[in-house]
Amino acid sequence: MESYWSEALLVLIILVNLSLVGSSRLRACIRLAAVHGIACSAFALVGGGSTHILHGAGLALVASVLKGLVFPWLLVRALREARVSREVEPIVGYVASTLCCLAMLAGSLWVGSRLRLPSPAISTLVVPVALFTILVGLFLIVSRTKALTQVIGYLVLENGIFVFGVALVRESPLLVEFGVLLDVFVAVFVMGITVFHIGRTFDDVDTSRLSSLKDWTP
C-alpha cells in the first residue's frame, strides 16, 4: 500500500512540474506550487526512509503547513503588492519549456535507471523524480523574468532535494530536517520582501530590467 501511494505521489509531482513550466498565470503557479509542496511533504510519510512513524508524520505535518499554506500565502501577498498577474515574455517560451522539461524527464529516468538505490527502495521512480524536480526548479529560475516565478523555482528546487533526502537518507535526525525547512522559510520570507521592494521601486518585478541599472551621469 505504501508503494502504491508513493508511486501516485511521484506521478503527481511529475504532472505538477510540467504544469508549472507551461503556465503563465502567476496565481495559478502559486496554487501549483502549493500542491507540489503538499505532495512532496506527504511523501515524507508514505515514502520516507525513517523507521519511526511519528518522525515521518511530524515532518510531513510541518512541511505541509509550510509548503502548502505559509509559503503560498507569502507569495500571494507579494503578488498582490507587486500588482502583476502573469509572466510576460519569458526567456524560454512555454511550448519550448515543456519540451525541454520532457527531455529533462527522459534524462532523469535514464540516469536513475543506472544508479544503485539503497535497499529496500520504496520506488525506482524516487531518484528520477527528485532529479527531475531539481532540474525543473533550476530551469524556472534561469528561464523566467518575473522574480515571483523565480521564487517558485527555488521552492520547486528545494522540494526535489526534500524528496531525495527523505526517501534515501536513512535515520537522518529530525532536527536537521526541520532546520532545512526553517532555512527555506527564512529564504522565502526574505525573497517576498525583496519582490515587494522591487515592485515598489521599479513598478515591475521583471528582473531582466535590473541589468540596465547604471550610475547616473550628468
N, C-alpha and C. Protein backbone atom coordinates (compact mmCIF):
# COMPACT_ATOMS: atom_id res chain seq x y z
N MET A 1 0.83 -1.20 0.00
CA MET A 1 0.00 0.00 0.00
C MET A 1 0.87 1.27 0.00
N GLU A 2 1.94 1.25 0.82
CA GLU A 2 2.85 2.41 0.84
C GLU A 2 3.46 2.62 -0.53
N SER A 3 3.83 1.52 -1.20
CA SER A 3 4.42 1.64 -2.53
C SER A 3 3.43 2.26 -3.51
N TYR A 4 2.15 1.88 -3.39
CA TYR A 4 1.12 2.44 -4.29
C TYR A 4 1.00 3.94 -4.11
N TRP A 5 0.89 4.38 -2.85
CA TRP A 5 0.75 5.82 -2.58
C TRP A 5 2.01 6.57 -2.96
N SER A 6 3.16 5.97 -2.78
CA SER A 6 4.41 6.63 -3.17
C SER A 6 4.46 6.84 -4.67
N GLU A 7 4.09 5.80 -5.43
CA GLU A 7 4.07 5.92 -6.89
C GLU A 7 3.09 7.00 -7.32
N ALA A 8 1.90 7.05 -6.68
CA ALA A 8 0.90 8.05 -7.04
C ALA A 8 1.40 9.46 -6.77
N LEU A 9 2.07 9.67 -5.63
CA LEU A 9 2.61 10.99 -5.29
C LEU A 9 3.71 11.40 -6.26
N LEU A 10 4.55 10.44 -6.65
CA LEU A 10 5.64 10.75 -7.58
C LEU A 10 5.09 11.13 -8.95
N VAL A 11 4.05 10.43 -9.40
CA VAL A 11 3.43 10.79 -10.69
C VAL A 11 2.79 12.17 -10.59
N LEU A 12 2.15 12.47 -9.45
CA LEU A 12 1.55 13.79 -9.26
C LEU A 12 2.61 14.88 -9.31
N ILE A 13 3.76 14.63 -8.70
CA ILE A 13 4.85 15.61 -8.71
C ILE A 13 5.32 15.86 -10.14
N ILE A 14 5.42 14.80 -10.95
CA ILE A 14 5.82 14.97 -12.35
C ILE A 14 4.82 15.84 -13.10
N LEU A 15 3.53 15.57 -12.91
CA LEU A 15 2.50 16.34 -13.61
C LEU A 15 2.50 17.80 -13.19
N VAL A 16 2.71 18.06 -11.90
CA VAL A 16 2.76 19.45 -11.43
C VAL A 16 3.99 20.16 -11.98
N ASN A 17 5.11 19.46 -12.06
CA ASN A 17 6.32 20.04 -12.66
C ASN A 17 6.05 20.52 -14.08
N LEU A 18 5.42 19.66 -14.87
CA LEU A 18 5.12 20.02 -16.25
C LEU A 18 4.11 21.16 -16.33
N SER A 19 3.14 21.18 -15.41
CA SER A 19 2.16 22.26 -15.39
C SER A 19 2.80 23.59 -15.03
N LEU A 20 3.77 23.57 -14.14
CA LEU A 20 4.43 24.80 -13.72
C LEU A 20 5.17 25.47 -14.87
N VAL A 21 5.89 24.69 -15.66
CA VAL A 21 6.66 25.28 -16.75
C VAL A 21 5.77 25.71 -17.91
N GLY A 22 4.52 25.19 -17.96
CA GLY A 22 3.63 25.55 -19.05
C GLY A 22 2.61 26.61 -18.71
N SER A 23 2.65 27.14 -17.48
CA SER A 23 1.65 28.12 -17.06
C SER A 23 2.25 29.52 -17.02
N SER A 24 1.47 30.49 -17.50
CA SER A 24 1.92 31.88 -17.49
C SER A 24 1.26 32.69 -16.37
N ARG A 25 0.17 32.18 -15.78
CA ARG A 25 -0.54 32.90 -14.73
C ARG A 25 0.17 32.68 -13.41
N LEU A 26 0.60 33.77 -12.79
CA LEU A 26 1.38 33.67 -11.57
C LEU A 26 0.55 33.09 -10.42
N ARG A 27 -0.72 33.47 -10.33
CA ARG A 27 -1.56 32.94 -9.26
C ARG A 27 -1.75 31.43 -9.43
N ALA A 28 -1.92 30.98 -10.68
CA ALA A 28 -2.03 29.54 -10.92
C ALA A 28 -0.73 28.83 -10.56
N CYS A 29 0.40 29.48 -10.84
CA CYS A 29 1.70 28.89 -10.48
C CYS A 29 1.84 28.75 -8.97
N ILE A 30 1.33 29.73 -8.23
CA ILE A 30 1.40 29.66 -6.77
C ILE A 30 0.55 28.50 -6.26
N ARG A 31 -0.65 28.32 -6.84
CA ARG A 31 -1.51 27.20 -6.44
C ARG A 31 -0.82 25.87 -6.76
N LEU A 32 -0.21 25.79 -7.93
CA LEU A 32 0.52 24.57 -8.29
C LEU A 32 1.68 24.32 -7.35
N ALA A 33 2.37 25.39 -6.95
CA ALA A 33 3.48 25.24 -6.01
C ALA A 33 2.98 24.72 -4.66
N ALA A 34 1.77 25.15 -4.25
CA ALA A 34 1.19 24.66 -3.01
C ALA A 34 0.89 23.16 -3.10
N VAL A 35 0.29 22.74 -4.23
CA VAL A 35 0.02 21.32 -4.44
C VAL A 35 1.32 20.53 -4.48
N HIS A 36 2.32 21.09 -5.14
CA HIS A 36 3.63 20.46 -5.24
C HIS A 36 4.24 20.26 -3.85
N GLY A 37 4.15 21.29 -3.02
CA GLY A 37 4.72 21.20 -1.68
C GLY A 37 4.01 20.19 -0.81
N ILE A 38 2.67 20.13 -0.91
CA ILE A 38 1.91 19.16 -0.12
C ILE A 38 2.23 17.74 -0.57
N ALA A 39 2.34 17.52 -1.88
CA ALA A 39 2.66 16.19 -2.39
C ALA A 39 4.04 15.74 -1.92
N CYS A 40 5.01 16.64 -1.98
CA CYS A 40 6.36 16.30 -1.52
C CYS A 40 6.39 16.07 -0.01
N SER A 41 5.60 16.84 0.73
CA SER A 41 5.54 16.67 2.18
C SER A 41 4.90 15.34 2.55
N ALA A 42 3.84 14.98 1.83
CA ALA A 42 3.17 13.70 2.09
C ALA A 42 4.10 12.53 1.81
N PHE A 43 5.03 12.73 0.90
CA PHE A 43 5.98 11.66 0.58
C PHE A 43 6.84 11.31 1.79
N ALA A 44 7.05 12.29 2.69
CA ALA A 44 7.82 12.01 3.91
C ALA A 44 7.11 10.99 4.79
N LEU A 45 5.79 10.91 4.67
CA LEU A 45 5.02 9.98 5.49
C LEU A 45 4.93 8.60 4.85
N VAL A 46 4.64 8.55 3.53
CA VAL A 46 4.41 7.26 2.89
C VAL A 46 5.66 6.68 2.24
N GLY A 47 6.65 7.52 1.98
CA GLY A 47 7.83 7.01 1.28
C GLY A 47 9.13 7.31 1.98
N GLY A 48 9.07 7.83 3.20
CA GLY A 48 10.28 8.18 3.92
C GLY A 48 11.08 6.98 4.35
N GLY A 49 12.36 7.21 4.53
CA GLY A 49 13.22 6.12 4.93
C GLY A 49 13.30 5.91 6.42
N SER A 50 12.66 6.76 7.23
CA SER A 50 12.75 6.63 8.67
C SER A 50 11.93 5.45 9.16
N THR A 51 12.39 4.79 10.21
CA THR A 51 11.68 3.67 10.80
C THR A 51 10.67 4.14 11.83
N HIS A 52 10.66 5.40 12.20
CA HIS A 52 9.76 5.92 13.20
C HIS A 52 8.58 6.60 12.51
N ILE A 53 7.36 6.09 12.77
CA ILE A 53 6.18 6.65 12.13
C ILE A 53 5.93 8.07 12.61
N LEU A 54 6.13 8.31 13.92
CA LEU A 54 5.91 9.66 14.45
C LEU A 54 6.87 10.66 13.83
N HIS A 55 8.08 10.20 13.55
CA HIS A 55 9.08 11.05 12.89
C HIS A 55 8.56 11.50 11.52
N GLY A 56 8.13 10.52 10.71
CA GLY A 56 7.63 10.85 9.38
C GLY A 56 6.37 11.69 9.42
N ALA A 57 5.46 11.37 10.36
CA ALA A 57 4.21 12.12 10.46
C ALA A 57 4.48 13.57 10.87
N GLY A 58 5.38 13.76 11.85
CA GLY A 58 5.70 15.12 12.29
C GLY A 58 6.34 15.94 11.19
N LEU A 59 7.28 15.31 10.46
CA LEU A 59 7.93 16.01 9.35
C LEU A 59 6.94 16.34 8.25
N ALA A 60 6.04 15.39 7.91
CA ALA A 60 5.05 15.63 6.87
C ALA A 60 4.09 16.75 7.26
N LEU A 61 3.70 16.78 8.55
CA LEU A 61 2.77 17.81 9.01
C LEU A 61 3.39 19.20 8.93
N VAL A 62 4.59 19.35 9.47
CA VAL A 62 5.25 20.66 9.47
C VAL A 62 5.56 21.10 8.05
N ALA A 63 6.05 20.17 7.23
CA ALA A 63 6.38 20.53 5.85
C ALA A 63 5.12 20.91 5.07
N SER A 64 4.01 20.21 5.30
CA SER A 64 2.77 20.53 4.60
C SER A 64 2.27 21.92 4.96
N VAL A 65 2.35 22.27 6.24
CA VAL A 65 1.89 23.59 6.68
C VAL A 65 2.74 24.68 6.03
N LEU A 66 4.07 24.48 6.01
CA LEU A 66 4.95 25.49 5.44
C LEU A 66 4.82 25.56 3.92
N LYS A 67 4.93 24.40 3.27
CA LYS A 67 4.95 24.37 1.80
C LYS A 67 3.57 24.57 1.19
N GLY A 68 2.52 24.12 1.88
CA GLY A 68 1.19 24.19 1.31
C GLY A 68 0.37 25.39 1.73
N LEU A 69 0.75 26.04 2.85
CA LEU A 69 -0.03 27.17 3.36
C LEU A 69 0.80 28.44 3.53
N VAL A 70 1.87 28.35 4.30
CA VAL A 70 2.63 29.56 4.65
C VAL A 70 3.34 30.14 3.44
N PHE A 71 4.09 29.31 2.71
CA PHE A 71 4.81 29.81 1.54
C PHE A 71 3.87 30.37 0.47
N PRO A 72 2.79 29.65 0.10
CA PRO A 72 1.86 30.24 -0.88
C PRO A 72 1.23 31.53 -0.38
N TRP A 73 0.93 31.62 0.90
CA TRP A 73 0.35 32.86 1.43
C TRP A 73 1.32 34.02 1.28
N LEU A 74 2.60 33.78 1.56
CA LEU A 74 3.61 34.82 1.39
C LEU A 74 3.73 35.23 -0.08
N LEU A 75 3.65 34.25 -0.98
CA LEU A 75 3.76 34.56 -2.40
C LEU A 75 2.54 35.32 -2.91
N VAL A 76 1.35 34.93 -2.45
CA VAL A 76 0.14 35.65 -2.85
C VAL A 76 0.19 37.10 -2.35
N ARG A 77 0.68 37.27 -1.15
CA ARG A 77 0.81 38.63 -0.61
C ARG A 77 1.79 39.45 -1.44
N ALA A 78 2.93 38.85 -1.80
CA ALA A 78 3.90 39.55 -2.65
C ALA A 78 3.32 39.83 -4.02
N LEU A 79 2.52 38.88 -4.55
CA LEU A 79 1.88 39.07 -5.86
C LEU A 79 0.91 40.25 -5.82
N ARG A 80 0.16 40.34 -4.74
CA ARG A 80 -0.81 41.44 -4.61
C ARG A 80 -0.11 42.78 -4.50
N GLU A 81 0.97 42.82 -3.76
CA GLU A 81 1.71 44.08 -3.59
C GLU A 81 2.43 44.48 -4.87
N ALA A 82 2.89 43.49 -5.64
CA ALA A 82 3.63 43.79 -6.87
C ALA A 82 2.71 44.15 -8.02
N ARG A 83 1.42 43.83 -7.91
CA ARG A 83 0.42 44.17 -8.92
C ARG A 83 0.77 43.59 -10.30
N VAL A 84 1.10 42.32 -10.32
CA VAL A 84 1.32 41.63 -11.58
C VAL A 84 0.41 40.40 -11.60
N SER A 85 0.06 39.94 -12.79
CA SER A 85 -0.85 38.81 -12.89
C SER A 85 -0.27 37.64 -13.67
N ARG A 86 0.69 37.91 -14.55
CA ARG A 86 1.20 36.81 -15.36
C ARG A 86 2.64 37.08 -15.79
N GLU A 87 3.29 36.00 -16.19
CA GLU A 87 4.64 36.07 -16.72
C GLU A 87 4.56 36.48 -18.18
N VAL A 88 5.22 37.58 -18.53
CA VAL A 88 5.17 38.11 -19.89
C VAL A 88 6.56 37.98 -20.52
N GLU A 89 6.60 37.42 -21.71
CA GLU A 89 7.84 37.27 -22.47
C GLU A 89 8.95 36.61 -21.65
N PRO A 90 8.76 35.35 -21.26
CA PRO A 90 9.84 34.64 -20.56
C PRO A 90 11.02 34.41 -21.50
N ILE A 91 12.15 34.12 -20.93
CA ILE A 91 13.34 33.89 -21.74
C ILE A 91 13.15 32.69 -22.67
N VAL A 92 12.50 31.65 -22.15
CA VAL A 92 12.17 30.46 -22.95
C VAL A 92 10.66 30.34 -23.00
N GLY A 93 10.10 30.22 -24.21
CA GLY A 93 8.65 30.14 -24.38
C GLY A 93 8.06 28.92 -23.70
N TYR A 94 6.73 28.92 -23.57
CA TYR A 94 6.07 27.86 -22.79
C TYR A 94 6.08 26.51 -23.51
N VAL A 95 5.91 26.52 -24.81
CA VAL A 95 5.98 25.25 -25.55
C VAL A 95 7.40 24.70 -25.51
N ALA A 96 8.37 25.58 -25.74
CA ALA A 96 9.77 25.15 -25.68
C ALA A 96 10.13 24.70 -24.26
N SER A 97 9.58 25.37 -23.25
CA SER A 97 9.85 24.99 -21.87
C SER A 97 9.33 23.58 -21.58
N THR A 98 8.11 23.30 -22.07
CA THR A 98 7.54 21.97 -21.86
C THR A 98 8.38 20.90 -22.54
N LEU A 99 8.82 21.18 -23.77
CA LEU A 99 9.66 20.21 -24.48
C LEU A 99 10.99 19.99 -23.77
N CYS A 100 11.57 21.09 -23.27
CA CYS A 100 12.83 20.96 -22.52
C CYS A 100 12.65 20.11 -21.27
N CYS A 101 11.53 20.31 -20.59
CA CYS A 101 11.29 19.56 -19.35
C CYS A 101 10.99 18.09 -19.64
N LEU A 102 10.35 17.80 -20.77
CA LEU A 102 10.17 16.40 -21.16
C LEU A 102 11.52 15.75 -21.43
N ALA A 103 12.44 16.50 -22.04
CA ALA A 103 13.79 15.98 -22.25
C ALA A 103 14.50 15.77 -20.92
N MET A 104 14.30 16.70 -19.97
CA MET A 104 14.88 16.53 -18.63
C MET A 104 14.33 15.29 -17.95
N LEU A 105 13.02 15.05 -18.11
CA LEU A 105 12.41 13.87 -17.51
C LEU A 105 13.00 12.59 -18.08
N ALA A 106 13.17 12.56 -19.41
CA ALA A 106 13.76 11.39 -20.05
C ALA A 106 15.19 11.18 -19.57
N GLY A 107 15.95 12.28 -19.47
CA GLY A 107 17.32 12.16 -18.98
C GLY A 107 17.37 11.72 -17.53
N SER A 108 16.45 12.21 -16.71
CA SER A 108 16.42 11.81 -15.30
C SER A 108 16.08 10.33 -15.15
N LEU A 109 15.14 9.85 -15.97
CA LEU A 109 14.80 8.42 -15.93
C LEU A 109 15.99 7.57 -16.36
N TRP A 110 16.74 8.06 -17.34
CA TRP A 110 17.92 7.32 -17.80
C TRP A 110 18.98 7.28 -16.71
N VAL A 111 19.24 8.42 -16.07
CA VAL A 111 20.24 8.46 -15.00
C VAL A 111 19.79 7.61 -13.82
N GLY A 112 18.50 7.73 -13.45
CA GLY A 112 18.01 6.97 -12.31
C GLY A 112 18.07 5.47 -12.52
N SER A 113 17.93 5.03 -13.76
CA SER A 113 17.98 3.58 -14.04
C SER A 113 19.39 3.02 -13.88
N ARG A 114 20.38 3.89 -13.84
CA ARG A 114 21.77 3.44 -13.75
C ARG A 114 22.38 3.67 -12.38
N LEU A 115 21.58 4.13 -11.45
CA LEU A 115 22.06 4.34 -10.09
C LEU A 115 21.56 3.21 -9.19
N ARG A 116 22.39 2.77 -8.29
CA ARG A 116 22.01 1.72 -7.36
C ARG A 116 21.39 2.36 -6.12
N LEU A 117 20.16 1.97 -5.80
CA LEU A 117 19.45 2.53 -4.67
C LEU A 117 19.71 1.70 -3.42
N PRO A 118 19.67 2.34 -2.25
CA PRO A 118 19.81 1.58 -1.01
C PRO A 118 18.62 0.65 -0.84
N SER A 119 18.85 -0.50 -0.25
CA SER A 119 17.79 -1.49 -0.06
C SER A 119 17.24 -1.41 1.36
N PRO A 120 15.91 -1.48 1.53
CA PRO A 120 14.89 -1.58 0.47
C PRO A 120 14.52 -0.21 -0.09
N ALA A 121 14.33 -0.11 -1.41
CA ALA A 121 13.93 1.15 -2.03
C ALA A 121 12.42 1.18 -2.18
N ILE A 122 11.81 2.27 -1.80
CA ILE A 122 10.35 2.37 -1.84
C ILE A 122 9.84 2.41 -3.27
N SER A 123 10.63 2.98 -4.19
CA SER A 123 10.21 3.06 -5.59
C SER A 123 11.42 3.37 -6.45
N THR A 124 11.42 2.80 -7.65
CA THR A 124 12.51 3.09 -8.59
C THR A 124 12.37 4.48 -9.19
N LEU A 125 11.21 5.13 -8.99
CA LEU A 125 10.99 6.47 -9.54
C LEU A 125 11.51 7.58 -8.62
N VAL A 126 11.94 7.23 -7.42
CA VAL A 126 12.32 8.26 -6.45
C VAL A 126 13.45 9.14 -6.97
N VAL A 127 14.54 8.52 -7.37
CA VAL A 127 15.70 9.29 -7.84
C VAL A 127 15.38 10.06 -9.13
N PRO A 128 14.77 9.44 -10.15
CA PRO A 128 14.43 10.22 -11.35
C PRO A 128 13.51 11.40 -11.07
N VAL A 129 12.48 11.20 -10.24
CA VAL A 129 11.55 12.29 -9.96
C VAL A 129 12.23 13.40 -9.15
N ALA A 130 13.04 13.02 -8.17
CA ALA A 130 13.76 14.02 -7.37
C ALA A 130 14.71 14.82 -8.26
N LEU A 131 15.46 14.12 -9.11
CA LEU A 131 16.39 14.79 -10.01
C LEU A 131 15.64 15.68 -11.01
N PHE A 132 14.53 15.18 -11.54
CA PHE A 132 13.71 15.96 -12.47
C PHE A 132 13.17 17.22 -11.80
N THR A 133 12.74 17.09 -10.56
CA THR A 133 12.20 18.24 -9.82
C THR A 133 13.28 19.29 -9.58
N ILE A 134 14.47 18.85 -9.25
CA ILE A 134 15.59 19.78 -9.05
C ILE A 134 15.89 20.53 -10.35
N LEU A 135 15.91 19.80 -11.46
CA LEU A 135 16.19 20.42 -12.76
C LEU A 135 15.09 21.41 -13.15
N VAL A 136 13.83 21.06 -12.88
CA VAL A 136 12.74 21.97 -13.20
C VAL A 136 12.85 23.25 -12.37
N GLY A 137 13.20 23.11 -11.09
CA GLY A 137 13.40 24.29 -10.26
C GLY A 137 14.49 25.20 -10.81
N LEU A 138 15.61 24.61 -11.19
CA LEU A 138 16.69 25.41 -11.77
C LEU A 138 16.25 26.04 -13.09
N PHE A 139 15.48 25.30 -13.88
CA PHE A 139 15.00 25.81 -15.16
C PHE A 139 14.09 27.02 -14.96
N LEU A 140 13.20 26.96 -13.98
CA LEU A 140 12.31 28.09 -13.70
C LEU A 140 13.10 29.32 -13.24
N ILE A 141 14.16 29.09 -12.50
CA ILE A 141 14.96 30.22 -12.01
C ILE A 141 15.65 30.94 -13.15
N VAL A 142 16.19 30.18 -14.10
CA VAL A 142 17.01 30.81 -15.15
C VAL A 142 16.21 31.18 -16.39
N SER A 143 15.00 30.64 -16.57
CA SER A 143 14.26 30.87 -17.81
C SER A 143 13.10 31.83 -17.66
N ARG A 144 12.84 32.33 -16.47
CA ARG A 144 11.73 33.24 -16.24
C ARG A 144 12.27 34.60 -15.80
N THR A 145 11.52 35.65 -16.12
CA THR A 145 11.97 37.01 -15.82
C THR A 145 11.33 37.60 -14.58
N LYS A 146 10.14 37.11 -14.20
CA LYS A 146 9.49 37.64 -13.01
C LYS A 146 10.13 37.06 -11.76
N ALA A 147 10.37 37.94 -10.79
CA ALA A 147 11.01 37.50 -9.55
C ALA A 147 10.15 36.47 -8.82
N LEU A 148 8.83 36.61 -8.89
CA LEU A 148 7.95 35.67 -8.20
C LEU A 148 8.08 34.26 -8.78
N THR A 149 8.16 34.15 -10.09
CA THR A 149 8.33 32.84 -10.70
C THR A 149 9.67 32.23 -10.32
N GLN A 150 10.68 33.05 -10.18
CA GLN A 150 11.99 32.56 -9.76
C GLN A 150 11.96 32.06 -8.33
N VAL A 151 11.17 32.72 -7.47
CA VAL A 151 10.99 32.24 -6.10
C VAL A 151 10.31 30.87 -6.12
N ILE A 152 9.29 30.72 -6.97
CA ILE A 152 8.62 29.43 -7.09
C ILE A 152 9.61 28.36 -7.57
N GLY A 153 10.50 28.74 -8.49
CA GLY A 153 11.53 27.80 -8.94
C GLY A 153 12.43 27.37 -7.80
N TYR A 154 12.75 28.30 -6.91
CA TYR A 154 13.57 27.95 -5.75
C TYR A 154 12.83 26.95 -4.86
N LEU A 155 11.53 27.15 -4.67
CA LEU A 155 10.74 26.22 -3.85
C LEU A 155 10.69 24.83 -4.50
N VAL A 156 10.52 24.79 -5.82
CA VAL A 156 10.50 23.50 -6.52
C VAL A 156 11.85 22.80 -6.38
N LEU A 157 12.92 23.56 -6.51
CA LEU A 157 14.26 23.00 -6.33
C LEU A 157 14.42 22.39 -4.95
N GLU A 158 13.96 23.11 -3.92
CA GLU A 158 14.06 22.60 -2.55
C GLU A 158 13.19 21.37 -2.36
N ASN A 159 12.02 21.34 -3.01
CA ASN A 159 11.16 20.17 -2.90
C ASN A 159 11.83 18.92 -3.47
N GLY A 160 12.57 19.09 -4.57
CA GLY A 160 13.30 17.95 -5.13
C GLY A 160 14.35 17.43 -4.18
N ILE A 161 15.07 18.35 -3.54
CA ILE A 161 16.07 17.93 -2.55
C ILE A 161 15.40 17.26 -1.36
N PHE A 162 14.23 17.78 -0.97
CA PHE A 162 13.48 17.22 0.15
C PHE A 162 13.07 15.77 -0.14
N VAL A 163 12.51 15.53 -1.33
CA VAL A 163 12.10 14.17 -1.70
C VAL A 163 13.29 13.23 -1.73
N PHE A 164 14.37 13.69 -2.31
CA PHE A 164 15.58 12.86 -2.38
C PHE A 164 16.07 12.51 -0.97
N GLY A 165 16.05 13.49 -0.06
CA GLY A 165 16.54 13.25 1.29
C GLY A 165 15.68 12.31 2.09
N VAL A 166 14.36 12.56 2.12
CA VAL A 166 13.50 11.73 2.97
C VAL A 166 13.38 10.30 2.45
N ALA A 167 13.61 10.10 1.15
CA ALA A 167 13.48 8.76 0.59
C ALA A 167 14.75 7.93 0.71
N LEU A 168 15.91 8.59 0.66
CA LEU A 168 17.16 7.84 0.57
C LEU A 168 18.07 7.96 1.78
N VAL A 169 17.90 9.00 2.58
CA VAL A 169 18.78 9.16 3.74
C VAL A 169 18.17 8.43 4.91
N ARG A 170 18.84 7.44 5.42
CA ARG A 170 18.32 6.60 6.49
C ARG A 170 18.65 7.19 7.85
N GLU A 171 17.63 7.20 8.71
CA GLU A 171 17.80 7.61 10.10
C GLU A 171 18.41 9.00 10.23
N SER A 172 18.02 9.92 9.35
CA SER A 172 18.52 11.30 9.48
C SER A 172 17.84 11.97 10.65
N PRO A 173 18.56 12.77 11.43
CA PRO A 173 17.97 13.40 12.62
C PRO A 173 16.83 14.34 12.24
N LEU A 174 15.79 14.30 13.05
CA LEU A 174 14.63 15.15 12.82
C LEU A 174 15.01 16.62 12.91
N LEU A 175 15.92 16.96 13.80
CA LEU A 175 16.33 18.35 13.98
C LEU A 175 16.96 18.91 12.71
N VAL A 176 17.75 18.09 12.01
CA VAL A 176 18.39 18.55 10.77
C VAL A 176 17.34 18.83 9.71
N GLU A 177 16.34 17.95 9.58
CA GLU A 177 15.31 18.12 8.57
C GLU A 177 14.48 19.36 8.85
N PHE A 178 14.12 19.58 10.11
CA PHE A 178 13.38 20.78 10.46
C PHE A 178 14.24 22.03 10.27
N GLY A 179 15.55 21.89 10.47
CA GLY A 179 16.44 23.02 10.24
C GLY A 179 16.47 23.44 8.78
N VAL A 180 16.41 22.45 7.88
CA VAL A 180 16.35 22.76 6.45
C VAL A 180 15.08 23.51 6.12
N LEU A 181 13.94 23.04 6.68
CA LEU A 181 12.67 23.73 6.44
C LEU A 181 12.70 25.15 6.97
N LEU A 182 13.34 25.36 8.12
CA LEU A 182 13.45 26.71 8.68
C LEU A 182 14.26 27.60 7.75
N ASP A 183 15.35 27.07 7.20
CA ASP A 183 16.17 27.84 6.26
C ASP A 183 15.35 28.25 5.04
N VAL A 184 14.54 27.32 4.52
CA VAL A 184 13.71 27.63 3.36
C VAL A 184 12.68 28.69 3.72
N PHE A 185 12.10 28.58 4.91
CA PHE A 185 11.11 29.57 5.35
C PHE A 185 11.72 30.96 5.38
N VAL A 186 12.90 31.08 5.97
CA VAL A 186 13.57 32.38 6.03
C VAL A 186 13.89 32.89 4.63
N ALA A 187 14.36 31.97 3.76
CA ALA A 187 14.72 32.38 2.39
C ALA A 187 13.50 32.91 1.65
N VAL A 188 12.36 32.20 1.74
CA VAL A 188 11.15 32.66 1.04
C VAL A 188 10.65 33.96 1.64
N PHE A 189 10.74 34.10 2.95
CA PHE A 189 10.32 35.34 3.59
C PHE A 189 11.14 36.52 3.08
N VAL A 190 12.46 36.34 3.00
CA VAL A 190 13.34 37.39 2.50
C VAL A 190 13.06 37.66 1.03
N MET A 191 12.83 36.60 0.24
CA MET A 191 12.52 36.79 -1.18
C MET A 191 11.22 37.57 -1.36
N GLY A 192 10.21 37.29 -0.51
CA GLY A 192 8.96 38.02 -0.59
C GLY A 192 9.15 39.51 -0.33
N ILE A 193 9.96 39.83 0.67
CA ILE A 193 10.26 41.23 0.95
C ILE A 193 11.01 41.86 -0.21
N THR A 194 11.94 41.12 -0.80
CA THR A 194 12.71 41.63 -1.94
C THR A 194 11.80 41.91 -3.13
N VAL A 195 10.89 40.97 -3.42
CA VAL A 195 9.95 41.16 -4.54
C VAL A 195 9.10 42.40 -4.30
N PHE A 196 8.65 42.59 -3.06
CA PHE A 196 7.82 43.75 -2.73
C PHE A 196 8.57 45.05 -2.98
N HIS A 197 9.84 45.10 -2.55
CA HIS A 197 10.61 46.33 -2.72
C HIS A 197 10.97 46.56 -4.19
N ILE A 198 11.23 45.48 -4.94
CA ILE A 198 11.49 45.64 -6.37
C ILE A 198 10.27 46.23 -7.07
N GLY A 199 9.09 45.68 -6.76
CA GLY A 199 7.87 46.18 -7.37
C GLY A 199 7.56 47.62 -6.98
N ARG A 200 7.83 47.98 -5.74
CA ARG A 200 7.53 49.34 -5.29
C ARG A 200 8.51 50.34 -5.88
N THR A 201 9.76 49.95 -6.07
CA THR A 201 10.77 50.88 -6.56
C THR A 201 10.73 51.03 -8.07
N PHE A 202 10.55 49.92 -8.79
CA PHE A 202 10.64 49.95 -10.25
C PHE A 202 9.29 49.76 -10.95
N ASP A 203 8.21 49.63 -10.17
CA ASP A 203 6.87 49.41 -10.73
C ASP A 203 6.80 48.14 -11.56
N ASP A 204 7.70 47.23 -11.36
CA ASP A 204 7.71 45.97 -12.10
C ASP A 204 8.59 44.99 -11.34
N VAL A 205 8.34 43.70 -11.50
CA VAL A 205 9.17 42.68 -10.87
C VAL A 205 9.92 41.88 -11.93
N ASP A 206 10.11 42.47 -13.10
CA ASP A 206 10.89 41.84 -14.16
C ASP A 206 12.36 42.01 -13.83
N THR A 207 13.03 40.92 -13.47
CA THR A 207 14.43 41.01 -13.04
C THR A 207 15.37 41.33 -14.19
N SER A 208 14.92 41.13 -15.43
CA SER A 208 15.81 41.44 -16.56
C SER A 208 16.09 42.94 -16.64
N ARG A 209 15.20 43.75 -16.09
CA ARG A 209 15.41 45.19 -16.14
C ARG A 209 16.50 45.65 -15.17
N LEU A 210 16.84 44.80 -14.22
CA LEU A 210 17.90 45.17 -13.28
C LEU A 210 19.25 45.27 -13.97
N SER A 211 19.39 44.58 -15.12
CA SER A 211 20.67 44.61 -15.83
C SER A 211 20.94 45.98 -16.45
N SER A 212 19.89 46.81 -16.56
CA SER A 212 20.07 48.14 -17.15
C SER A 212 20.45 49.19 -16.12
N LEU A 213 20.57 48.79 -14.86
CA LEU A 213 20.93 49.77 -13.82
C LEU A 213 22.36 50.22 -14.04
N LYS A 214 22.59 51.50 -13.87
CA LYS A 214 23.95 52.02 -14.00
C LYS A 214 24.00 53.37 -13.27
N ASP A 215 25.21 53.81 -13.02
CA ASP A 215 25.38 55.08 -12.35
C ASP A 215 24.87 56.23 -13.19
N TRP A 216 24.31 57.22 -12.52
CA TRP A 216 23.79 58.39 -13.24
C TRP A 216 24.95 59.30 -13.63
N THR A 217 24.93 59.75 -14.89
CA THR A 217 25.95 60.66 -15.36
C THR A 217 25.30 61.93 -15.88
N PRO A 218 25.72 63.12 -15.45
CA PRO A 218 25.11 64.37 -15.91
C PRO A 218 25.39 64.63 -17.37
